[in-house]
Amino acid sequence: MASLTYHEQQDIENIKRLRELIKELPSFCTDFFRGIEPRTSTKTRMAYAYDLRIFFDFLRQSNPEIRRIGRSLPLSVLEQLTVTDMEEYLEYLKCHSTENQEDITNTENGLMRKVSSLRSFYNYFYQNQRIEQNPASLLRMPKLHDKEIVRLEIDEVARLLDEVEAGENLTQKQKLYHERTKVRDLALLSLFLGTGIRVSECVGLNLTDVDLDSCGIRIFRKGGKEAIVYFSDEVCALLETYIEKRKQMDALPGHEDALFLSLQNKRMSVRSVENLVKKYARIVTPLKKITPHKLRSTYGTNLYRESGDIYLVASVLGHNDVNTTRKHYAAIEDDRRRSARNIVKLREE
């Protein structure tokens, strides 16, 4: 029997966690998750479950009767709520406390996601004619303000890679491990900056997913779609050096196929890669909060500047809708349009 891929293993873990989350929700929520299962990923359903848990926590805190009923809450309670209740929930989301008295706040994007989750939840029961009122549909979506995309400039990319290679500005404790990890770290960060892959796609890479002859890697996009992404000769050379070293490592059972290993000889996790990026980036650009996703934005920016092809950028980054790409790189597109103003000549000078 073939061993499970990293993404298949993650799916199984997500399903297990989702089942535990659903146990905390009113029993009719099970129908919702069963209904959306064919068209959503396990990660998406988990996000819905977390959001709905917050919603029902709010209802329990604001209504003692709902708190008393608990998980046996009837479906009819959904249509008994008003738009005012929904607005109060939106206000609650801006700052609320957990059972451990930890304060939780939400950004504009966080508020938008939770309202979208609630609307999808209500829509499912409304469209299936199990409730007659849909107050969530009347709730106005929070306004989103455009934010400047944080990315590394060309000189910052060079300084970042130089720091990974030399490690001169690391702390004494970090320097103890640097010799053991610098070849891996240089290959990993170069792969981010040279392909724009997501952090989940990176940690899911196996040794067999890398083809040095064609300078390509096989990745699994959101939703499990397989794709081939190509990289430069420069990235290829760094990957080749790392892979030679990687083949000499004794990975722990269950992690033998992983491309990038931690110091514990396990597949690197998303969190460990995020910490790795943060460690080097705050030395080079202390005022910018650089994450693996910001390295993805850096690659997208550089590719668009060089090619001027927004469709190419969308394809390489794995965006399903080119408008998503266009929104992220609108400022660069505007610069390109402005620079084109003198290209067409009406009369010879």
C-alpha atoms as a PDB file:
ATOM      1  CA  MET A   1       0.000   0.000   0.000  1.00  0.00           C
ATOM      2  CA  ALA A   2       1.417   3.394  -1.023  1.00  0.00           C
ATOM      3  CA  SER A   3       2.318   5.763   1.804  1.00  0.00           C
ATOM      4  CA  LEU A   4       0.247   8.884   2.223  1.00  0.00           C
ATOM      5  CA  THR A   5       1.543  12.196   0.914  1.00  0.00           C
ATOM      6  CA  TYR A   6       2.120  15.110   3.280  1.00  0.00           C
ATOM      7  CA  HIS A   7      -1.081  16.773   2.097  1.00  0.00           C
ATOM      8  CA  GLU A   8      -3.111  13.581   2.548  1.00  0.00           C
ATOM      9  CA  GLN A   9      -1.766  13.258   6.090  1.00  0.00           C
ATOM     10  CA  GLN A  10      -2.680  16.888   6.775  1.00  0.00           C
ATOM     11  CA  ASP A  11      -6.205  16.227   5.486  1.00  0.00           C
ATOM     12  CA  ILE A  12      -6.615  13.297   7.875  1.00  0.00           C
ATOM     13  CA  GLU A  13      -5.402  15.395  10.819  1.00  0.00           C
ATOM     14  CA  ASN A  14      -7.754  18.208   9.827  1.00  0.00           C
ATOM     15  CA  ILE A  15     -10.715  15.814   9.629  1.00  0.00           C
ATOM     16  CA  LYS A  16      -9.967  14.558  13.134  1.00  0.00           C
ATOM     17  CA  ARG A  17      -9.748  18.114  14.503  1.00  0.00           C
ATOM     18  CA  LEU A  18     -12.910  19.102  12.635  1.00  0.00           C
ATOM     19  CA  ARG A  19     -14.866  16.263  14.221  1.00  0.00           C
ATOM     20  CA  GLU A  20     -13.826  17.449  17.672  1.00  0.00           C
ATOM     21  CA  LEU A  21     -14.794  21.041  16.857  1.00  0.00           C
ATOM     22  CA  ILE A  22     -18.225  20.003  15.572  1.00  0.00           C
ATOM     23  CA  LYS A  23     -18.896  18.263  18.894  1.00  0.00           C
ATOM     24  CA  GLU A  24     -18.799  21.697  20.557  1.00  0.00           C
ATOM     25  CA  LEU A  25     -21.452  23.141  18.199  1.00  0.00           C
ATOM     26  CA  PRO A  26     -25.257  22.705  18.145  1.00  0.00           C
ATOM     27  CA  SER A  27     -26.217  19.365  16.590  1.00  0.00           C
ATOM     28  CA  PHE A  28     -27.786  20.913  13.446  1.00  0.00           C
ATOM     29  CA  CYS A  29     -24.346  22.242  12.453  1.00  0.00           C
ATOM     30  CA  THR A  30     -23.420  18.680  11.454  1.00  0.00           C
ATOM     31  CA  ASP A  31     -25.835  18.976   8.512  1.00  0.00           C
ATOM     32  CA  PHE A  32     -24.095  22.142   7.344  1.00  0.00           C
ATOM     33  CA  PHE A  33     -20.639  20.548   7.315  1.00  0.00           C
ATOM     34  CA  ARG A  34     -21.953  17.447   5.584  1.00  0.00           C
ATOM     35  CA  GLY A  35     -23.628  19.631   2.956  1.00  0.00           C
ATOM     36  CA  ILE A  36     -20.546  21.702   2.088  1.00  0.00           C
ATOM     37  CA  GLU A  37     -18.082  18.790   2.213  1.00  0.00           C
ATOM     38  CA  PRO A  38     -18.119  17.988  -1.560  1.00  0.00           C
ATOM     39  CA  ARG A  39     -17.085  21.504  -2.592  1.00  0.00           C
ATOM     40  CA  THR A  40     -14.741  22.619   0.218  1.00  0.00           C
ATOM     41  CA  SER A  41     -11.355  21.588   1.559  1.00  0.00           C
ATOM     42  CA  THR A  42     -10.869  20.321   5.108  1.00  0.00           C
ATOM     43  CA  LYS A  43      -8.952  23.512   5.888  1.00  0.00           C
ATOM     44  CA  THR A  44     -11.900  25.648   4.776  1.00  0.00           C
ATOM     45  CA  ARG A  45     -14.350  23.602   6.855  1.00  0.00           C
ATOM     46  CA  MET A  46     -12.107  23.945   9.896  1.00  0.00           C
ATOM     47  CA  ALA A  47     -12.097  27.727   9.433  1.00  0.00           C
ATOM     48  CA  TYR A  48     -15.915  27.648   9.323  1.00  0.00           C
ATOM     49  CA  ALA A  49     -15.978  25.555  12.508  1.00  0.00           C
ATOM     50  CA  TYR A  50     -13.722  27.970  14.407  1.00  0.00           C
ATOM     51  CA  ASP A  51     -15.808  30.934  13.248  1.00  0.00           C
ATOM     52  CA  LEU A  52     -19.114  29.276  14.187  1.00  0.00           C
ATOM     53  CA  ARG A  53     -17.756  28.366  17.601  1.00  0.00           C
ATOM     54  CA  ILE A  54     -17.128  32.064  18.230  1.00  0.00           C
ATOM     55  CA  PHE A  55     -20.643  32.902  16.997  1.00  0.00           C
ATOM     56  CA  PHE A  56     -22.334  30.446  19.354  1.00  0.00           C
ATOM     57  CA  ASP A  57     -20.064  31.551  22.216  1.00  0.00           C
ATOM     58  CA  PHE A  58     -21.388  35.058  21.612  1.00  0.00           C
ATOM     59  CA  LEU A  59     -24.999  33.821  21.679  1.00  0.00           C
ATOM     60  CA  ARG A  60     -24.419  31.959  24.927  1.00  0.00           C
ATOM     61  CA  GLN A  61     -22.856  35.012  26.552  1.00  0.00           C
ATOM     62  CA  SER A  62     -25.598  37.377  25.404  1.00  0.00           C
ATOM     63  CA  ASN A  63     -28.556  35.061  26.085  1.00  0.00           C
ATOM     64  CA  PRO A  64     -28.777  32.986  29.317  1.00  0.00           C
ATOM     65  CA  GLU A  65     -31.523  30.787  27.823  1.00  0.00           C
ATOM     66  CA  ILE A  66     -29.294  29.766  24.920  1.00  0.00           C
ATOM     67  CA  ARG A  67     -26.496  29.064  27.395  1.00  0.00           C
ATOM     68  CA  ARG A  68     -28.832  26.792  29.362  1.00  0.00           C
ATOM     69  CA  ILE A  69     -29.940  24.792  26.305  1.00  0.00           C
ATOM     70  CA  GLY A  70     -26.381  24.169  25.100  1.00  0.00           C
ATOM     71  CA  ARG A  71     -25.749  21.785  22.167  1.00  0.00           C
ATOM     72  CA  SER A  72     -29.440  20.827  21.915  1.00  0.00           C
ATOM     73  CA  LEU A  73     -30.186  24.339  20.642  1.00  0.00           C
ATOM     74  CA  PRO A  74     -32.948  24.125  17.958  1.00  0.00           C
ATOM     75  CA  LEU A  75     -32.350  25.305  14.390  1.00  0.00           C
ATOM     76  CA  SER A  76     -35.238  27.773  14.756  1.00  0.00           C
ATOM     77  CA  VAL A  77     -33.043  29.997  16.938  1.00  0.00           C
ATOM     78  CA  LEU A  78     -31.234  31.155  13.794  1.00  0.00           C
ATOM     79  CA  GLU A  79     -34.260  32.894  12.302  1.00  0.00           C
ATOM     80  CA  GLN A  80     -35.270  34.371  15.650  1.00  0.00           C
ATOM     81  CA  LEU A  81     -32.174  36.569  15.583  1.00  0.00           C
ATOM     82  CA  THR A  82     -32.416  40.083  14.148  1.00  0.00           C
ATOM     83  CA  VAL A  83     -30.100  42.334  12.195  1.00  0.00           C
ATOM     84  CA  THR A  84     -29.449  44.146  15.473  1.00  0.00           C
ATOM     85  CA  ASP A  85     -28.228  40.862  16.959  1.00  0.00           C
ATOM     86  CA  MET A  86     -25.915  40.478  13.978  1.00  0.00           C
ATOM     87  CA  GLU A  87     -24.553  43.995  14.411  1.00  0.00           C
ATOM     88  CA  GLU A  88     -23.936  43.297  18.088  1.00  0.00           C
ATOM     89  CA  TYR A  89     -22.035  40.171  17.058  1.00  0.00           C
ATOM     90  CA  LEU A  90     -19.908  42.232  14.680  1.00  0.00           C
ATOM     91  CA  GLU A  91     -19.112  44.630  17.511  1.00  0.00           C
ATOM     92  CA  TYR A  92     -18.290  41.659  19.775  1.00  0.00           C
ATOM     93  CA  LEU A  93     -15.816  40.350  17.202  1.00  0.00           C
ATOM     94  CA  LYS A  94     -13.744  43.520  17.335  1.00  0.00           C
ATOM     95  CA  CYS A  95     -12.612  42.563  20.843  1.00  0.00           C
ATOM     96  CA  HIS A  96     -13.744  39.640  22.967  1.00  0.00           C
ATOM     97  CA  SER A  97     -12.283  37.390  25.653  1.00  0.00           C
ATOM     98  CA  THR A  98     -11.721  33.639  25.699  1.00  0.00           C
ATOM     99  CA  GLU A  99     -12.543  31.363  28.635  1.00  0.00           C
ATOM    100  CA  ASN A 100      -8.967  31.935  29.805  1.00  0.00           C
ATOM    101  CA  GLN A 101      -9.599  35.696  29.820  1.00  0.00           C
ATOM    102  CA  GLU A 102      -7.342  36.204  26.834  1.00  0.00           C
ATOM    103  CA  ASP A 103      -8.341  39.213  24.734  1.00  0.00           C
ATOM    104  CA  ILE A 104      -8.940  38.442  21.056  1.00  0.00           C
ATOM    105  CA  THR A 105      -9.135  41.173  18.430  1.00  0.00           C
ATOM    106  CA  ASN A 106      -9.890  40.930  14.714  1.00  0.00           C
ATOM    107  CA  THR A 107      -8.483  42.917  11.820  1.00  0.00           C
ATOM    108  CA  GLU A 108     -10.708  44.098   8.968  1.00  0.00           C
ATOM    109  CA  ASN A 109      -9.900  40.896   7.078  1.00  0.00           C
ATOM    110  CA  GLY A 110     -10.685  38.804  10.149  1.00  0.00           C
ATOM    111  CA  LEU A 111     -14.073  40.491  10.544  1.00  0.00           C
ATOM    112  CA  MET A 112     -14.810  40.016   6.851  1.00  0.00           C
ATOM    113  CA  ARG A 113     -14.022  36.304   7.011  1.00  0.00           C
ATOM    114  CA  LYS A 114     -16.202  35.677  10.052  1.00  0.00           C
ATOM    115  CA  VAL A 115     -19.156  37.550   8.572  1.00  0.00           C
ATOM    116  CA  SER A 116     -18.711  35.587   5.320  1.00  0.00           C
ATOM    117  CA  SER A 117     -18.685  32.339   7.312  1.00  0.00           C
ATOM    118  CA  LEU A 118     -21.902  33.298   9.063  1.00  0.00           C
ATOM    119  CA  ARG A 119     -23.580  34.225   5.784  1.00  0.00           C
ATOM    120  CA  SER A 120     -22.594  30.897   4.202  1.00  0.00           C
ATOM    121  CA  PHE A 121     -23.933  29.090   7.268  1.00  0.00           C
ATOM    122  CA  TYR A 122     -27.282  30.874   7.099  1.00  0.00           C
ATOM    123  CA  ASN A 123     -27.493  30.537   3.313  1.00  0.00           C
ATOM    124  CA  TYR A 124     -27.155  26.768   3.533  1.00  0.00           C
ATOM    125  CA  PHE A 125     -30.222  26.386   5.751  1.00  0.00           C
ATOM    126  CA  TYR A 126     -32.176  29.127   3.943  1.00  0.00           C
ATOM    127  CA  GLN A 127     -31.576  27.684   0.472  1.00  0.00           C
ATOM    128  CA  ASN A 128     -32.510  24.227   1.725  1.00  0.00           C
ATOM    129  CA  GLN A 129     -35.785  25.738   3.032  1.00  0.00           C
ATOM    130  CA  ARG A 130     -35.086  24.787   6.610  1.00  0.00           C
ATOM    131  CA  ILE A 131     -35.405  28.375   7.848  1.00  0.00           C
ATOM    132  CA  GLU A 132     -37.653  31.106   6.468  1.00  0.00           C
ATOM    133  CA  GLN A 133     -35.703  34.159   7.647  1.00  0.00           C
ATOM    134  CA  ASN A 134     -32.083  35.004   6.829  1.00  0.00           C
ATOM    135  CA  PRO A 135     -30.994  37.962   8.986  1.00  0.00           C
ATOM    136  CA  ALA A 136     -27.303  37.354   8.164  1.00  0.00           C
ATOM    137  CA  SER A 137     -27.970  38.372   4.546  1.00  0.00           C
ATOM    138  CA  LEU A 138     -29.028  41.837   5.753  1.00  0.00           C
ATOM    139  CA  LEU A 139     -25.814  42.462   7.693  1.00  0.00           C
ATOM    140  CA  ARG A 140     -23.526  44.927   5.927  1.00  0.00           C
ATOM    141  CA  MET A 141     -20.064  43.613   5.246  1.00  0.00           C
ATOM    142  CA  PRO A 142     -17.228  45.432   7.054  1.00  0.00           C
ATOM    143  CA  LYS A 143     -15.361  47.949   4.920  1.00  0.00           C
ATOM    144  CA  LEU A 144     -11.901  46.912   3.830  1.00  0.00           C
ATOM    145  CA  HIS A 145      -9.195  49.532   3.438  1.00  0.00           C
ATOM    146  CA  ASP A 146      -6.461  48.902   0.911  1.00  0.00           C
ATOM    147  CA  LYS A 147      -3.108  48.128   2.481  1.00  0.00           C
ATOM    148  CA  GLU A 148       0.277  48.616   0.934  1.00  0.00           C
ATOM    149  CA  ILE A 149       1.826  45.294  -0.032  1.00  0.00           C
ATOM    150  CA  VAL A 150       4.943  44.624   2.038  1.00  0.00           C
ATOM    151  CA  ARG A 151       7.751  43.139  -0.007  1.00  0.00           C
ATOM    152  CA  LEU A 152      11.534  43.098  -0.187  1.00  0.00           C
ATOM    153  CA  GLU A 153      13.343  45.438  -2.531  1.00  0.00           C
ATOM    154  CA  ILE A 154      16.040  44.046  -4.825  1.00  0.00           C
ATOM    155  CA  ASP A 155      18.916  45.142  -2.559  1.00  0.00           C
ATOM    156  CA  GLU A 156      17.120  43.703   0.478  1.00  0.00           C
ATOM    157  CA  VAL A 157      16.802  40.322  -1.242  1.00  0.00           C
ATOM    158  CA  ALA A 158      20.557  40.292  -1.835  1.00  0.00           C
ATOM    159  CA  ARG A 159      21.292  41.306   1.763  1.00  0.00           C
ATOM    160  CA  LEU A 160      18.914  38.642   3.078  1.00  0.00           C
ATOM    161  CA  LEU A 161      20.656  35.865   1.154  1.00  0.00           C
ATOM    162  CA  ASP A 162      24.070  37.217   2.158  1.00  0.00           C
ATOM    163  CA  GLU A 163      23.005  37.088   5.811  1.00  0.00           C
ATOM    164  CA  VAL A 164      21.783  33.497   5.437  1.00  0.00           C
ATOM    165  CA  GLU A 165      25.127  32.555   3.912  1.00  0.00           C
ATOM    166  CA  ALA A 166      27.360  34.380   6.395  1.00  0.00           C
ATOM    167  CA  GLY A 167      25.251  34.577   9.559  1.00  0.00           C
ATOM    168  CA  GLU A 168      27.370  37.471  10.824  1.00  0.00           C
ATOM    169  CA  ASN A 169      24.563  39.302  12.634  1.00  0.00           C
ATOM    170  CA  LEU A 170      22.931  36.293  14.271  1.00  0.00           C
ATOM    171  CA  THR A 171      22.989  35.931  18.043  1.00  0.00           C
ATOM    172  CA  GLN A 172      25.634  33.703  19.614  1.00  0.00           C
ATOM    173  CA  LYS A 173      23.012  31.041  20.250  1.00  0.00           C
ATOM    174  CA  GLN A 174      21.805  31.182  16.646  1.00  0.00           C
ATOM    175  CA  LYS A 175      25.355  30.938  15.347  1.00  0.00           C
ATOM    176  CA  LEU A 176      25.755  27.578  17.132  1.00  0.00           C
ATOM    177  CA  TYR A 177      23.224  26.041  14.744  1.00  0.00           C
ATOM    178  CA  HIS A 178      23.975  28.156  11.691  1.00  0.00           C
ATOM    179  CA  GLU A 179      26.698  25.918  10.267  1.00  0.00           C
ATOM    180  CA  ARG A 180      24.305  22.970  10.369  1.00  0.00           C
ATOM    181  CA  THR A 181      21.408  24.784   8.719  1.00  0.00           C
ATOM    182  CA  LYS A 182      22.800  27.458   6.394  1.00  0.00           C
ATOM    183  CA  VAL A 183      22.867  25.251   3.274  1.00  0.00           C
ATOM    184  CA  ARG A 184      19.251  24.245   3.914  1.00  0.00           C
ATOM    185  CA  ASP A 185      18.167  27.791   4.784  1.00  0.00           C
ATOM    186  CA  LEU A 186      19.804  29.268   1.693  1.00  0.00           C
ATOM    187  CA  ALA A 187      18.137  26.698  -0.578  1.00  0.00           C
ATOM    188  CA  LEU A 188      14.758  27.166   1.109  1.00  0.00           C
ATOM    189  CA  LEU A 189      14.706  30.974   1.014  1.00  0.00           C
ATOM    190  CA  SER A 190      16.031  31.026  -2.546  1.00  0.00           C
ATOM    191  CA  LEU A 191      13.235  28.665  -3.546  1.00  0.00           C
ATOM    192  CA  PHE A 192      10.655  31.032  -2.022  1.00  0.00           C
ATOM    193  CA  LEU A 193      12.180  34.061  -3.721  1.00  0.00           C
ATOM    194  CA  GLY A 194      12.679  32.240  -7.025  1.00  0.00           C
ATOM    195  CA  THR A 195       9.258  30.599  -7.392  1.00  0.00           C
ATOM    196  CA  GLY A 196       6.722  32.396  -5.167  1.00  0.00           C
ATOM    197  CA  ILE A 197       5.386  29.124  -3.744  1.00  0.00           C
ATOM    198  CA  ARG A 198       3.244  29.138  -0.587  1.00  0.00           C
ATOM    199  CA  VAL A 199       4.703  27.981   2.721  1.00  0.00           C
ATOM    200  CA  SER A 200       2.331  24.978   2.800  1.00  0.00           C
ATOM    201  CA  GLU A 201       3.527  24.001  -0.677  1.00  0.00           C
ATOM    202  CA  CYS A 202       7.129  24.299   0.461  1.00  0.00           C
ATOM    203  CA  VAL A 203       6.898  22.137   3.580  1.00  0.00           C
ATOM    204  CA  GLY A 204       4.951  19.517   1.603  1.00  0.00           C
ATOM    205  CA  LEU A 205       7.794  18.990  -0.873  1.00  0.00           C
ATOM    206  CA  ASN A 206       9.382  15.549  -1.097  1.00  0.00           C
ATOM    207  CA  LEU A 207      12.767  14.668  -2.561  1.00  0.00           C
ATOM    208  CA  THR A 208      10.986  13.014  -5.483  1.00  0.00           C
ATOM    209  CA  ASP A 209       9.153  16.276  -6.247  1.00  0.00           C
ATOM    210  CA  VAL A 210      12.390  17.964  -7.352  1.00  0.00           C
ATOM    211  CA  ASP A 211      13.733  17.575 -10.898  1.00  0.00           C
ATOM    212  CA  LEU A 212      17.099  19.300 -11.119  1.00  0.00           C
ATOM    213  CA  ASP A 213      17.501  18.438 -14.811  1.00  0.00           C
ATOM    214  CA  SER A 214      14.415  20.422 -15.818  1.00  0.00           C
ATOM    215  CA  CYS A 215      14.768  22.937 -12.929  1.00  0.00           C
ATOM    216  CA  GLY A 216      11.241  22.217 -11.733  1.00  0.00           C
ATOM    217  CA  ILE A 217       9.315  21.123  -8.655  1.00  0.00           C
ATOM    218  CA  ARG A 218       5.956  19.410  -8.335  1.00  0.00           C
ATOM    219  CA  ILE A 219       3.706  21.086  -5.796  1.00  0.00           C
ATOM    220  CA  PHE A 220       0.130  20.695  -4.631  1.00  0.00           C
ATOM    221  CA  ARG A 221      -1.880  23.895  -4.766  1.00  0.00           C
ATOM    222  CA  LYS A 222      -4.913  24.782  -2.652  1.00  0.00           C
ATOM    223  CA  GLY A 223      -7.575  22.153  -3.142  1.00  0.00           C
ATOM    224  CA  GLY A 224      -4.985  19.483  -3.948  1.00  0.00           C
ATOM    225  CA  LYS A 225      -4.385  20.513  -7.560  1.00  0.00           C
ATOM    226  CA  GLU A 226      -0.996  19.359  -8.823  1.00  0.00           C
ATOM    227  CA  ALA A 227       1.260  21.872 -10.604  1.00  0.00           C
ATOM    228  CA  ILE A 228       4.831  22.123 -11.895  1.00  0.00           C
ATOM    229  CA  VAL A 229       6.773  25.273 -11.009  1.00  0.00           C
ATOM    230  CA  TYR A 230      10.125  26.117 -12.582  1.00  0.00           C
ATOM    231  CA  PHE A 231      13.116  27.899 -11.063  1.00  0.00           C
ATOM    232  CA  SER A 232      16.329  29.529 -12.246  1.00  0.00           C
ATOM    233  CA  ASP A 233      19.768  27.965 -12.633  1.00  0.00           C
ATOM    234  CA  GLU A 234      20.855  29.951  -9.561  1.00  0.00           C
ATOM    235  CA  VAL A 235      18.152  28.337  -7.411  1.00  0.00           C
ATOM    236  CA  CYS A 236      18.890  24.962  -9.008  1.00  0.00           C
ATOM    237  CA  ALA A 237      22.541  25.108  -7.938  1.00  0.00           C
ATOM    238  CA  LEU A 238      21.605  25.896  -4.325  1.00  0.00           C
ATOM    239  CA  LEU A 239      19.002  23.112  -4.254  1.00  0.00           C
ATOM    240  CA  GLU A 240      21.498  20.639  -5.703  1.00  0.00           C
ATOM    241  CA  THR A 241      24.025  21.476  -2.981  1.00  0.00           C
ATOM    242  CA  TYR A 242      21.396  21.049  -0.274  1.00  0.00           C
ATOM    243  CA  ILE A 243      20.004  17.790  -1.705  1.00  0.00           C
ATOM    244  CA  GLU A 244      23.476  16.237  -1.700  1.00  0.00           C
ATOM    245  CA  LYS A 245      23.700  17.046   2.006  1.00  0.00           C
ATOM    246  CA  ARG A 246      20.084  16.017   2.617  1.00  0.00           C
ATOM    247  CA  LYS A 247      20.723  12.514   1.249  1.00  0.00           C
ATOM    248  CA  GLN A 248      23.281  11.966   4.002  1.00  0.00           C
ATOM    249  CA  MET A 249      20.767  12.762   6.772  1.00  0.00           C
ATOM    250  CA  ASP A 250      18.958  10.018   8.665  1.00  0.00           C
ATOM    251  CA  ALA A 251      15.353  11.184   8.691  1.00  0.00           C
ATOM    252  CA  LEU A 252      13.083   9.836  11.392  1.00  0.00           C
ATOM    253  CA  PRO A 253      10.482   7.205  10.429  1.00  0.00           C
ATOM    254  CA  GLY A 254       7.610   8.826   8.558  1.00  0.00           C
ATOM    255  CA  HIS A 255       9.802  11.716   7.395  1.00  0.00           C
ATOM    256  CA  GLU A 256      12.132   9.866   5.014  1.00  0.00           C
ATOM    257  CA  ASP A 257      10.682  11.489   1.880  1.00  0.00           C
ATOM    258  CA  ALA A 258      10.623  15.096   3.133  1.00  0.00           C
ATOM    259  CA  LEU A 259      12.828  17.554   1.244  1.00  0.00           C
ATOM    260  CA  PHE A 260      13.394  20.052   4.042  1.00  0.00           C
ATOM    261  CA  LEU A 261      14.257  18.562   7.436  1.00  0.00           C
ATOM    262  CA  SER A 262      14.477  20.239  10.822  1.00  0.00           C
ATOM    263  CA  LEU A 263      17.403  19.769  13.205  1.00  0.00           C
ATOM    264  CA  GLN A 264      15.364  16.943  14.730  1.00  0.00           C
ATOM    265  CA  ASN A 265      15.406  15.225  11.303  1.00  0.00           C
ATOM    266  CA  LYS A 266      11.654  15.665  10.899  1.00  0.00           C
ATOM    267  CA  ARG A 267       9.777  17.370   8.069  1.00  0.00           C
ATOM    268  CA  MET A 268       9.835  21.108   8.722  1.00  0.00           C
ATOM    269  CA  SER A 269       6.497  22.537   9.844  1.00  0.00           C
ATOM    270  CA  VAL A 270       4.827  25.712   8.605  1.00  0.00           C
ATOM    271  CA  ARG A 271       5.588  27.384  11.948  1.00  0.00           C
ATOM    272  CA  SER A 272       9.296  26.478  11.836  1.00  0.00           C
ATOM    273  CA  VAL A 273       9.638  27.908   8.304  1.00  0.00           C
ATOM    274  CA  GLU A 274       7.835  31.097   9.392  1.00  0.00           C
ATOM    275  CA  ASN A 275      10.275  31.448  12.318  1.00  0.00           C
ATOM    276  CA  LEU A 276      13.225  30.826  10.009  1.00  0.00           C
ATOM    277  CA  VAL A 277      12.147  33.619   7.645  1.00  0.00           C
ATOM    278  CA  LYS A 278      11.507  35.976  10.559  1.00  0.00           C
ATOM    279  CA  LYS A 279      14.936  35.249  12.079  1.00  0.00           C
ATOM    280  CA  TYR A 280      16.861  36.419   9.027  1.00  0.00           C
ATOM    281  CA  ALA A 281      14.462  39.111   7.788  1.00  0.00           C
ATOM    282  CA  ARG A 282      14.383  41.141  11.000  1.00  0.00           C
ATOM    283  CA  ILE A 283      18.180  41.497  10.754  1.00  0.00           C
ATOM    284  CA  VAL A 284      17.968  42.862   7.204  1.00  0.00           C
ATOM    285  CA  THR A 285      14.695  44.829   7.401  1.00  0.00           C
ATOM    286  CA  PRO A 286      13.757  45.398  11.066  1.00  0.00           C
ATOM    287  CA  LEU A 287      10.915  47.791  10.142  1.00  0.00           C
ATOM    288  CA  LYS A 288       9.201  45.342   7.777  1.00  0.00           C
ATOM    289  CA  LYS A 289       7.295  42.317   9.019  1.00  0.00           C
ATOM    290  CA  ILE A 290       8.506  39.740   6.502  1.00  0.00           C
ATOM    291  CA  THR A 291       6.780  36.357   6.323  1.00  0.00           C
ATOM    292  CA  PRO A 292       6.914  33.549   3.736  1.00  0.00           C
ATOM    293  CA  HIS A 293       3.865  35.161   2.100  1.00  0.00           C
ATOM    294  CA  LYS A 294       5.786  38.451   1.787  1.00  0.00           C
ATOM    295  CA  LEU A 295       8.540  36.543  -0.027  1.00  0.00           C
ATOM    296  CA  ARG A 296       5.809  35.277  -2.365  1.00  0.00           C
ATOM    297  CA  SER A 297       4.739  38.896  -2.950  1.00  0.00           C
ATOM    298  CA  THR A 298       8.372  39.825  -3.591  1.00  0.00           C
ATOM    299  CA  TYR A 299       8.635  37.180  -6.307  1.00  0.00           C
ATOM    300  CA  GLY A 300       5.323  38.218  -7.869  1.00  0.00           C
ATOM    301  CA  THR A 301       6.433  41.851  -7.938  1.00  0.00           C
ATOM    302  CA  ASN A 302       9.778  41.057  -9.549  1.00  0.00           C
ATOM    303  CA  LEU A 303       8.185  38.747 -12.126  1.00  0.00           C
ATOM    304  CA  TYR A 304       5.624  41.389 -13.085  1.00  0.00           C
ATOM    305  CA  ARG A 305       8.236  44.130 -13.335  1.00  0.00           C
ATOM    306  CA  GLU A 306      10.361  41.982 -15.629  1.00  0.00           C
ATOM    307  CA  SER A 307       7.597  40.456 -17.769  1.00  0.00           C
ATOM    308  CA  GLY A 308       4.752  42.974 -17.635  1.00  0.00           C
ATOM    309  CA  ASP A 309       2.430  39.982 -18.076  1.00  0.00           C
ATOM    310  CA  ILE A 310      -0.221  39.884 -15.335  1.00  0.00           C
ATOM    311  CA  TYR A 311      -1.608  36.607 -16.716  1.00  0.00           C
ATOM    312  CA  LEU A 312       1.804  34.975 -16.437  1.00  0.00           C
ATOM    313  CA  VAL A 313       2.110  36.145 -12.818  1.00  0.00           C
ATOM    314  CA  ALA A 314      -1.373  34.810 -12.021  1.00  0.00           C
ATOM    315  CA  SER A 315      -0.540  31.449 -13.595  1.00  0.00           C
ATOM    316  CA  VAL A 316       2.810  31.027 -11.829  1.00  0.00           C
ATOM    317  CA  LEU A 317       1.398  32.065  -8.436  1.00  0.00           C
ATOM    318  CA  GLY A 318      -1.576  29.749  -8.846  1.00  0.00           C
ATOM    319  CA  HIS A 319      -4.291  32.406  -8.668  1.00  0.00           C
ATOM    320  CA  ASN A 320      -7.611  31.131 -10.029  1.00  0.00           C
ATOM    321  CA  ASP A 321      -8.764  34.665 -10.854  1.00  0.00           C
ATOM    322  CA  VAL A 322      -6.434  37.137 -12.559  1.00  0.00           C
ATOM    323  CA  ASN A 323      -8.327  39.967 -10.845  1.00  0.00           C
ATOM    324  CA  THR A 324      -6.871  38.740  -7.563  1.00  0.00           C
ATOM    325  CA  THR A 325      -3.400  39.193  -9.023  1.00  0.00           C
ATOM    326  CA  ARG A 326      -4.287  42.536 -10.580  1.00  0.00           C
ATOM    327  CA  LYS A 327      -5.520  43.837  -7.214  1.00  0.00           C
ATOM    328  CA  HIS A 328      -2.240  42.932  -5.516  1.00  0.00           C
ATOM    329  CA  TYR A 329      -0.052  44.514  -8.177  1.00  0.00           C
ATOM    330  CA  ALA A 330      -2.255  47.467  -9.156  1.00  0.00           C
ATOM    331  CA  ALA A 331       0.372  50.029  -8.143  1.00  0.00           C
ATOM    332  CA  ILE A 332       2.983  48.474 -10.407  1.00  0.00           C
ATOM    333  CA  GLU A 333       0.480  48.258 -13.234  1.00  0.00           C
ATOM    334  CA  ASP A 334      -0.245  51.970 -12.818  1.00  0.00           C
ATOM    335  CA  ASP A 335       3.498  52.731 -12.980  1.00  0.00           C
ATOM    336  CA  ARG A 336       3.775  50.725 -16.199  1.00  0.00           C
ATOM    337  CA  ARG A 337       0.858  52.613 -17.762  1.00  0.00           C
ATOM    338  CA  ARG A 338       2.407  55.923 -16.773  1.00  0.00           C
ATOM    339  CA  SER A 339       5.783  54.943 -18.238  1.00  0.00           C
ATOM    340  CA  ALA A 340       4.056  54.112 -21.537  1.00  0.00           C
ATOM    341  CA  ARG A 341       2.778  57.664 -22.087  1.00  0.00           C
ATOM    342  CA  ASN A 342       5.696  58.690 -24.332  1.00  0.00           C
ATOM    343  CA  ILE A 343       6.112  55.417 -26.232  1.00  0.00           C
ATOM    344  CA  VAL A 344       3.700  56.237 -29.061  1.00  0.00           C
ATOM    345  CA  LYS A 345       4.904  59.182 -31.204  1.00  0.00           C
ATOM    346  CA  LEU A 346       2.367  61.194 -33.187  1.00  0.00           C
ATOM    347  CA  ARG A 347       4.898  63.143 -35.255  1.00  0.00           C
ATOM    348  CA  GLU A 348       8.617  62.889 -35.770  1.00  0.00           C
ATOM    349  CA  GLU A 349      10.520  65.527 -33.823  1.00  0.00           C
END
